[in-house]
Amino acid sequence: IDGHLNIVFDCFGPPLHGWDPEKGKSTDRSGF
């Protein structure tokens, strides 16, 4: 939940603290 649940692609939330959602591990973009 901490390091890999993607706040943008998994949670449909905003990128925070300048975080780049494309750098997430095991990323699933299917929802977007």
PDB file of all heavy atoms in Angstrom:
ATOM      1  N   ILE A   1       0.846  -1.195   0.000  1.00  0.00           N
ATOM      2  CA  ILE A   1       0.000   0.000   0.000  1.00  0.00           C
ATOM      3  C   ILE A   1       0.883   1.246   0.000  1.00  0.00           C
ATOM      4  O   ILE A   1       0.638   2.214  -0.723  1.00  0.00           O
ATOM      5  CB  ILE A   1      -0.918   0.017   1.242  1.00  0.00           C
ATOM      6  CG1 ILE A   1      -1.855  -1.194   1.267  1.00  0.00           C
ATOM      7  CG2 ILE A   1      -1.718   1.325   1.298  1.00  0.00           C
ATOM      8  CD1 ILE A   1      -2.980  -1.170   0.305  1.00  0.00           C
ATOM      9  N   ASP A   2       1.957   1.191   0.760  1.00  0.00           N
ATOM     10  CA  ASP A   2       2.852   2.342   0.888  1.00  0.00           C
ATOM     11  C   ASP A   2       3.604   2.608  -0.414  1.00  0.00           C
ATOM     12  O   ASP A   2       3.411   3.644  -1.055  1.00  0.00           O
ATOM     13  CB  ASP A   2       3.833   2.079   2.036  1.00  0.00           C
ATOM     14  CG  ASP A   2       4.743   3.257   2.320  1.00  0.00           C
ATOM     15  OD1 ASP A   2       4.579   4.315   1.671  1.00  0.00           O
ATOM     16  OD2 ASP A   2       5.632   3.129   3.181  1.00  0.00           O
ATOM     17  N   GLY A   3       4.435   1.689  -0.834  1.00  0.00           N
ATOM     18  CA  GLY A   3       5.360   1.967  -1.916  1.00  0.00           C
ATOM     19  C   GLY A   3       4.893   1.641  -3.318  1.00  0.00           C
ATOM     20  O   GLY A   3       5.490   2.121  -4.285  1.00  0.00           O
ATOM     21  N   HIS A   4       3.817   0.840  -3.466  1.00  0.00           N
ATOM     22  CA  HIS A   4       3.473   0.343  -4.786  1.00  0.00           C
ATOM     23  C   HIS A   4       2.040   0.615  -5.228  1.00  0.00           C
ATOM     24  O   HIS A   4       1.761   0.597  -6.426  1.00  0.00           O
ATOM     25  CB  HIS A   4       3.727  -1.168  -4.847  1.00  0.00           C
ATOM     26  CG  HIS A   4       5.122  -1.536  -4.429  1.00  0.00           C
ATOM     27  ND1 HIS A   4       5.382  -2.393  -3.387  1.00  0.00           N
ATOM     28  CD2 HIS A   4       6.338  -1.130  -4.889  1.00  0.00           C
ATOM     29  CE1 HIS A   4       6.695  -2.519  -3.237  1.00  0.00           C
ATOM     30  NE2 HIS A   4       7.289  -1.756  -4.125  1.00  0.00           N
ATOM     31  N   LEU A   5       1.128   0.833  -4.283  1.00  0.00           N
ATOM     32  CA  LEU A   5      -0.236   1.194  -4.679  1.00  0.00           C
ATOM     33  C   LEU A   5      -0.180   2.609  -5.242  1.00  0.00           C
ATOM     34  O   LEU A   5       0.121   3.562  -4.530  1.00  0.00           O
ATOM     35  CB  LEU A   5      -1.179   1.122  -3.482  1.00  0.00           C
ATOM     36  CG  LEU A   5      -2.668   1.301  -3.811  1.00  0.00           C
ATOM     37  CD1 LEU A   5      -3.224   0.070  -4.528  1.00  0.00           C
ATOM     38  CD2 LEU A   5      -3.479   1.559  -2.541  1.00  0.00           C
ATOM     39  N   ASN A   6      -0.477   2.726  -6.515  1.00  0.00           N
ATOM     40  CA  ASN A   6      -0.263   3.972  -7.249  1.00  0.00           C
ATOM     41  C   ASN A   6      -1.397   4.954  -6.965  1.00  0.00           C
ATOM     42  O   ASN A   6      -2.562   4.673  -7.259  1.00  0.00           O
ATOM     43  CB  ASN A   6      -0.186   3.657  -8.745  1.00  0.00           C
ATOM     44  CG  ASN A   6       0.346   4.805  -9.556  1.00  0.00           C
ATOM     45  OD1 ASN A   6      -0.210   5.897  -9.547  1.00  0.00           O
ATOM     46  ND2 ASN A   6       1.420   4.559 -10.294  1.00  0.00           N
ATOM     47  N   ILE A   7      -1.053   6.098  -6.385  1.00  0.00           N
ATOM     48  CA  ILE A   7      -2.080   7.045  -5.960  1.00  0.00           C
ATOM     49  C   ILE A   7      -2.887   7.582  -7.140  1.00  0.00           C
ATOM     50  O   ILE A   7      -4.068   7.911  -7.004  1.00  0.00           O
ATOM     51  CB  ILE A   7      -1.453   8.206  -5.150  1.00  0.00           C
ATOM     52  CG1 ILE A   7      -2.544   8.965  -4.391  1.00  0.00           C
ATOM     53  CG2 ILE A   7      -0.640   9.125  -6.037  1.00  0.00           C
ATOM     54  CD1 ILE A   7      -2.006   9.937  -3.365  1.00  0.00           C
ATOM     55  N   VAL A   8      -2.297   7.636  -8.323  1.00  0.00           N
ATOM     56  CA  VAL A   8      -3.002   8.123  -9.512  1.00  0.00           C
ATOM     57  C   VAL A   8      -3.724   6.987 -10.214  1.00  0.00           C
ATOM     58  O   VAL A   8      -4.933   7.027 -10.416  1.00  0.00           O
ATOM     59  CB  VAL A   8      -2.025   8.824 -10.469  1.00  0.00           C
ATOM     60  CG1 VAL A   8      -2.718   9.199 -11.783  1.00  0.00           C
ATOM     61  CG2 VAL A   8      -1.447  10.073  -9.811  1.00  0.00           C
ATOM     62  N   PHE A   9      -2.995   5.931 -10.601  1.00  0.00           N
ATOM     63  CA  PHE A   9      -3.574   4.890 -11.441  1.00  0.00           C
ATOM     64  C   PHE A   9      -4.435   3.897 -10.663  1.00  0.00           C
ATOM     65  O   PHE A   9      -5.388   3.334 -11.208  1.00  0.00           O
ATOM     66  CB  PHE A   9      -2.469   4.137 -12.191  1.00  0.00           C
ATOM     67  CG  PHE A   9      -1.722   4.999 -13.158  1.00  0.00           C
ATOM     68  CD1 PHE A   9      -0.340   5.057 -13.134  1.00  0.00           C
ATOM     69  CD2 PHE A   9      -2.394   5.763 -14.093  1.00  0.00           C
ATOM     70  CE1 PHE A   9       0.360   5.858 -14.028  1.00  0.00           C
ATOM     71  CE2 PHE A   9      -1.708   6.576 -14.984  1.00  0.00           C
ATOM     72  CZ  PHE A   9      -0.332   6.616 -14.956  1.00  0.00           C
ATOM     73  N   ASP A  10      -4.103   3.644  -9.383  1.00  0.00           N
ATOM     74  CA  ASP A  10      -4.891   2.720  -8.576  1.00  0.00           C
ATOM     75  C   ASP A  10      -5.986   3.425  -7.779  1.00  0.00           C
ATOM     76  O   ASP A  10      -7.067   2.880  -7.588  1.00  0.00           O
ATOM     77  CB  ASP A  10      -4.003   1.957  -7.591  1.00  0.00           C
ATOM     78  CG  ASP A  10      -3.162   0.889  -8.275  1.00  0.00           C
ATOM     79  OD1 ASP A  10      -3.698   0.169  -9.128  1.00  0.00           O
ATOM     80  OD2 ASP A  10      -1.965   0.790  -7.969  1.00  0.00           O
ATOM     81  N   CYS A  11      -5.673   4.626  -7.289  1.00  0.00           N
ATOM     82  CA  CYS A  11      -6.596   5.322  -6.384  1.00  0.00           C
ATOM     83  C   CYS A  11      -7.365   6.449  -7.061  1.00  0.00           C
ATOM     84  O   CYS A  11      -8.239   7.049  -6.437  1.00  0.00           O
ATOM     85  CB  CYS A  11      -5.820   5.896  -5.196  1.00  0.00           C
ATOM     86  SG  CYS A  11      -4.961   4.667  -4.197  1.00  0.00           S
ATOM     87  N   PHE A  12      -7.025   6.759  -8.326  1.00  0.00           N
ATOM     88  CA  PHE A  12      -7.666   7.861  -9.052  1.00  0.00           C
ATOM     89  C   PHE A  12      -7.559   9.162  -8.272  1.00  0.00           C
ATOM     90  O   PHE A  12      -8.474   9.977  -8.221  1.00  0.00           O
ATOM     91  CB  PHE A  12      -9.129   7.521  -9.366  1.00  0.00           C
ATOM     92  CG  PHE A  12      -9.280   6.256 -10.164  1.00  0.00           C
ATOM     93  CD1 PHE A  12      -9.610   5.056  -9.548  1.00  0.00           C
ATOM     94  CD2 PHE A  12      -9.064   6.265 -11.536  1.00  0.00           C
ATOM     95  CE1 PHE A  12      -9.729   3.890 -10.286  1.00  0.00           C
ATOM     96  CE2 PHE A  12      -9.169   5.102 -12.282  1.00  0.00           C
ATOM     97  CZ  PHE A  12      -9.505   3.908 -11.664  1.00  0.00           C
ATOM     98  N   GLY A  13      -6.395   9.317  -7.609  1.00  0.00           N
ATOM     99  CA  GLY A  13      -6.128  10.531  -6.848  1.00  0.00           C
ATOM    100  C   GLY A  13      -5.134  11.412  -7.569  1.00  0.00           C
ATOM    101  O   GLY A  13      -4.647  11.095  -8.656  1.00  0.00           O
ATOM    102  N   PRO A  14      -4.783  12.535  -6.963  1.00  0.00           N
ATOM    103  CA  PRO A  14      -3.831  13.474  -7.583  1.00  0.00           C
ATOM    104  C   PRO A  14      -2.404  13.111  -7.224  1.00  0.00           C
ATOM    105  O   PRO A  14      -2.136  12.574  -6.141  1.00  0.00           O
ATOM    106  CB  PRO A  14      -4.223  14.806  -6.952  1.00  0.00           C
ATOM    107  CG  PRO A  14      -4.676  14.413  -5.576  1.00  0.00           C
ATOM    108  CD  PRO A  14      -5.334  13.060  -5.710  1.00  0.00           C
ATOM    109  N   PRO A  15      -1.442  13.402  -8.102  1.00  0.00           N
ATOM    110  CA  PRO A  15      -0.034  13.236  -7.704  1.00  0.00           C
ATOM    111  C   PRO A  15       0.303  14.233  -6.599  1.00  0.00           C
ATOM    112  O   PRO A  15      -0.094  15.394  -6.666  1.00  0.00           O
ATOM    113  CB  PRO A  15       0.729  13.521  -8.994  1.00  0.00           C
ATOM    114  CG  PRO A  15      -0.194  14.355  -9.820  1.00  0.00           C
ATOM    115  CD  PRO A  15      -1.587  13.925  -9.472  1.00  0.00           C
ATOM    116  N   LEU A  16       0.988  13.752  -5.589  1.00  0.00           N
ATOM    117  CA  LEU A  16       1.318  14.605  -4.441  1.00  0.00           C
ATOM    118  C   LEU A  16       2.823  14.728  -4.270  1.00  0.00           C
ATOM    119  O   LEU A  16       3.583  13.830  -4.662  1.00  0.00           O
ATOM    120  CB  LEU A  16       0.718  14.026  -3.162  1.00  0.00           C
ATOM    121  CG  LEU A  16      -0.807  13.916  -3.097  1.00  0.00           C
ATOM    122  CD1 LEU A  16      -1.223  13.253  -1.794  1.00  0.00           C
ATOM    123  CD2 LEU A  16      -1.456  15.280  -3.236  1.00  0.00           C
ATOM    124  N   HIS A  17       3.264  15.834  -3.680  1.00  0.00           N
ATOM    125  CA  HIS A  17       4.666  16.051  -3.322  1.00  0.00           C
ATOM    126  C   HIS A  17       5.585  15.915  -4.533  1.00  0.00           C
ATOM    127  O   HIS A  17       6.718  15.421  -4.418  1.00  0.00           O
ATOM    128  CB  HIS A  17       5.107  15.083  -2.215  1.00  0.00           C
ATOM    129  CG  HIS A  17       4.177  15.037  -1.053  1.00  0.00           C
ATOM    130  ND1 HIS A  17       3.893  16.149  -0.274  1.00  0.00           N
ATOM    131  CD2 HIS A  17       3.423  14.025  -0.534  1.00  0.00           C
ATOM    132  CE1 HIS A  17       3.037  15.811   0.670  1.00  0.00           C
ATOM    133  NE2 HIS A  17       2.735  14.532   0.530  1.00  0.00           N
ATOM    134  N   GLY A  18       5.086  16.277  -5.707  1.00  0.00           N
ATOM    135  CA  GLY A  18       5.908  16.196  -6.901  1.00  0.00           C
ATOM    136  C   GLY A  18       6.168  14.782  -7.377  1.00  0.00           C
ATOM    137  O   GLY A  18       7.032  14.548  -8.220  1.00  0.00           O
ATOM    138  N   TRP A  19       5.409  13.828  -6.843  1.00  0.00           N
ATOM    139  CA  TRP A  19       5.615  12.412  -7.179  1.00  0.00           C
ATOM    140  C   TRP A  19       5.196  12.139  -8.616  1.00  0.00           C
ATOM    141  O   TRP A  19       4.159  12.610  -9.079  1.00  0.00           O
ATOM    142  CB  TRP A  19       4.803  11.559  -6.209  1.00  0.00           C
ATOM    143  CG  TRP A  19       4.894  10.083  -6.459  1.00  0.00           C
ATOM    144  CD1 TRP A  19       5.964   9.278  -6.241  1.00  0.00           C
ATOM    145  CD2 TRP A  19       3.853   9.245  -6.946  1.00  0.00           C
ATOM    146  NE1 TRP A  19       5.665   7.992  -6.573  1.00  0.00           N
ATOM    147  CE2 TRP A  19       4.371   7.932  -7.007  1.00  0.00           C
ATOM    148  CE3 TRP A  19       2.534   9.468  -7.338  1.00  0.00           C
ATOM    149  CZ2 TRP A  19       3.614   6.862  -7.436  1.00  0.00           C
ATOM    150  CZ3 TRP A  19       1.782   8.391  -7.772  1.00  0.00           C
ATOM    151  CH2 TRP A  19       2.319   7.112  -7.823  1.00  0.00           C
ATOM    152  N   ASP A  20       6.015  11.367  -9.318  1.00  0.00           N
ATOM    153  CA  ASP A  20       5.740  11.006 -10.702  1.00  0.00           C
ATOM    154  C   ASP A  20       5.047   9.649 -10.734  1.00  0.00           C
ATOM    155  O   ASP A  20       5.670   8.622 -10.406  1.00  0.00           O
ATOM    156  CB  ASP A  20       7.043  10.942 -11.495  1.00  0.00           C
ATOM    157  CG  ASP A  20       6.820  10.593 -12.961  1.00  0.00           C
ATOM    158  OD1 ASP A  20       5.656  10.368 -13.353  1.00  0.00           O
ATOM    159  OD2 ASP A  20       7.819  10.525 -13.713  1.00  0.00           O
ATOM    160  N   PRO A  21       3.764   9.578 -11.117  1.00  0.00           N
ATOM    161  CA  PRO A  21       3.038   8.300 -11.090  1.00  0.00           C
ATOM    162  C   PRO A  21       3.623   7.262 -12.035  1.00  0.00           C
ATOM    163  O   PRO A  21       3.420   6.068 -11.850  1.00  0.00           O
ATOM    164  CB  PRO A  21       1.617   8.698 -11.511  1.00  0.00           C
ATOM    165  CG  PRO A  21       1.766   9.969 -12.263  1.00  0.00           C
ATOM    166  CD  PRO A  21       2.908  10.676 -11.601  1.00  0.00           C
ATOM    167  N   GLU A  22       4.357   7.697 -13.040  1.00  0.00           N
ATOM    168  CA  GLU A  22       4.929   6.756 -13.991  1.00  0.00           C
ATOM    169  C   GLU A  22       6.077   5.948 -13.387  1.00  0.00           C
ATOM    170  O   GLU A  22       6.511   4.947 -13.954  1.00  0.00           O
ATOM    171  CB  GLU A  22       5.429   7.501 -15.238  1.00  0.00           C
ATOM    172  CG  GLU A  22       4.333   8.217 -16.012  1.00  0.00           C
ATOM    173  CD  GLU A  22       3.333   7.260 -16.656  1.00  0.00           C
ATOM    174  OE1 GLU A  22       3.673   6.081 -16.827  1.00  0.00           O
ATOM    175  OE2 GLU A  22       2.218   7.708 -16.974  1.00  0.00           O
ATOM    176  N   LYS A  23       6.574   6.361 -12.222  1.00  0.00           N
ATOM    177  CA  LYS A  23       7.696   5.658 -11.601  1.00  0.00           C
ATOM    178  C   LYS A  23       7.246   4.540 -10.676  1.00  0.00           C
ATOM    179  O   LYS A  23       8.075   3.850 -10.096  1.00  0.00           O
ATOM    180  CB  LYS A  23       8.564   6.653 -10.817  1.00  0.00           C
ATOM    181  CG  LYS A  23       9.327   7.636 -11.705  1.00  0.00           C
ATOM    182  CD  LYS A  23      10.220   8.533 -10.879  1.00  0.00           C
ATOM    183  CE  LYS A  23      11.005   9.493 -11.768  1.00  0.00           C
ATOM    184  NZ  LYS A  23      11.870  10.406 -10.988  1.00  0.00           N
ATOM    185  N   GLY A  24       5.965   4.350 -10.518  1.00  0.00           N
ATOM    186  CA  GLY A  24       5.471   3.309  -9.638  1.00  0.00           C
ATOM    187  C   GLY A  24       5.836   1.922 -10.134  1.00  0.00           C
ATOM    188  O   GLY A  24       5.948   1.681 -11.331  1.00  0.00           O
ATOM    189  N   LYS A  25       6.059   1.000  -9.212  1.00  0.00           N
ATOM    190  CA  LYS A  25       6.398  -0.366  -9.572  1.00  0.00           C
ATOM    191  C   LYS A  25       5.133  -1.188  -9.802  1.00  0.00           C
ATOM    192  O   LYS A  25       4.108  -0.967  -9.184  1.00  0.00           O
ATOM    193  CB  LYS A  25       7.250  -1.003  -8.473  1.00  0.00           C
ATOM    194  CG  LYS A  25       8.615  -0.334  -8.299  1.00  0.00           C
ATOM    195  CD  LYS A  25       9.445  -1.066  -7.264  1.00  0.00           C
ATOM    196  CE  LYS A  25      10.824  -0.448  -7.141  1.00  0.00           C
ATOM    197  NZ  LYS A  25      11.670  -1.161  -6.171  1.00  0.00           N
ATOM    198  N   SER A  26       5.245  -2.167 -10.693  1.00  0.00           N
ATOM    199  CA  SER A  26       4.107  -3.050 -11.017  1.00  0.00           C
ATOM    200  C   SER A  26       2.859  -2.220 -11.298  1.00  0.00           C
ATOM    201  O   SER A  26       1.769  -2.493 -10.790  1.00  0.00           O
ATOM    202  CB  SER A  26       3.864  -4.045  -9.882  1.00  0.00           C
ATOM    203  OG  SER A  26       4.975  -4.900  -9.731  1.00  0.00           O
ATOM    204  N   THR A  27       3.025  -1.186 -12.102  1.00  0.00           N
ATOM    205  CA  THR A  27       1.953  -0.230 -12.361  1.00  0.00           C
ATOM    206  C   THR A  27       0.896  -0.812 -13.286  1.00  0.00           C
ATOM    207  O   THR A  27       1.210  -1.500 -14.254  1.00  0.00           O
ATOM    208  CB  THR A  27       2.534   1.051 -12.989  1.00  0.00           C
ATOM    209  OG1 THR A  27       3.507   1.583 -12.099  1.00  0.00           O
ATOM    210  CG2 THR A  27       1.450   2.084 -13.236  1.00  0.00           C
ATOM    211  N   ASP A  28      -0.368  -0.542 -12.984  1.00  0.00           N
ATOM    212  CA  ASP A  28      -1.500  -0.967 -13.807  1.00  0.00           C
ATOM    213  C   ASP A  28      -2.248   0.293 -14.252  1.00  0.00           C
ATOM    214  O   ASP A  28      -2.877   0.966 -13.444  1.00  0.00           O
ATOM    215  CB  ASP A  28      -2.415  -1.885 -12.998  1.00  0.00           C
ATOM    216  CG  ASP A  28      -3.588  -2.427 -13.809  1.00  0.00           C
ATOM    217  OD1 ASP A  28      -3.850  -1.897 -14.909  1.00  0.00           O
ATOM    218  OD2 ASP A  28      -4.249  -3.377 -13.340  1.00  0.00           O
ATOM    219  N   ARG A  29      -2.189   0.600 -15.531  1.00  0.00           N
ATOM    220  CA  ARG A  29      -2.826   1.809 -16.062  1.00  0.00           C
ATOM    221  C   ARG A  29      -4.193   1.537 -16.680  1.00  0.00           C
ATOM    222  O   ARG A  29      -4.766   2.412 -17.321  1.00  0.00           O
ATOM    223  CB  ARG A  29      -1.903   2.458 -17.102  1.00  0.00           C
ATOM    224  CG  ARG A  29      -0.553   2.893 -16.547  1.00  0.00           C
ATOM    225  CD  ARG A  29       0.406   3.315 -17.648  1.00  0.00           C
ATOM    226  NE  ARG A  29       1.693   3.775 -17.127  1.00  0.00           N
ATOM    227  CZ  ARG A  29       2.679   2.964 -16.726  1.00  0.00           C
ATOM    228  NH1 ARG A  29       2.518   1.652 -16.810  1.00  0.00           N
ATOM    229  NH2 ARG A  29       3.802   3.465 -16.257  1.00  0.00           N
ATOM    230  N   SER A  30      -4.712   0.331 -16.498  1.00  0.00           N
ATOM    231  CA  SER A  30      -5.941  -0.057 -17.197  1.00  0.00           C
ATOM    232  C   SER A  30      -7.124   0.820 -16.809  1.00  0.00           C
ATOM    233  O   SER A  30      -7.976   1.137 -17.649  1.00  0.00           O
ATOM    234  CB  SER A  30      -6.269  -1.527 -16.920  1.00  0.00           C
ATOM    235  OG  SER A  30      -6.490  -1.755 -15.538  1.00  0.00           O
ATOM    236  N   GLY A  31      -7.197   1.229 -15.544  1.00  0.00           N
ATOM    237  CA  GLY A  31      -8.295   2.073 -15.125  1.00  0.00           C
ATOM    238  C   GLY A  31      -8.271   3.432 -15.801  1.00  0.00           C
ATOM    239  O   GLY A  31      -9.310   3.942 -16.231  1.00  0.00           O
ATOM    240  N   PHE A  32      -7.086   4.020 -15.890  1.00  0.00           N
ATOM    241  CA  PHE A  32      -6.976   5.315 -16.559  1.00  0.00           C
ATOM    242  C   PHE A  32      -7.326   5.208 -18.030  1.00  0.00           C
ATOM    243  O   PHE A  32      -7.951   6.094 -18.612  1.00  0.00           O
ATOM    244  CB  PHE A  32      -5.574   5.888 -16.362  1.00  0.00           C
ATOM    245  CG  PHE A  32      -5.563   7.114 -15.492  1.00  0.00           C
ATOM    246  CD1 PHE A  32      -6.085   7.056 -14.201  1.00  0.00           C
ATOM    247  CD2 PHE A  32      -5.074   8.319 -15.948  1.00  0.00           C
ATOM    248  CE1 PHE A  32      -6.092   8.173 -13.391  1.00  0.00           C
ATOM    249  CE2 PHE A  32      -5.084   9.446 -15.142  1.00  0.00           C
ATOM    250  CZ  PHE A  32      -5.588   9.381 -13.865  1.00  0.00           C
TER     251      PHE A  32
END
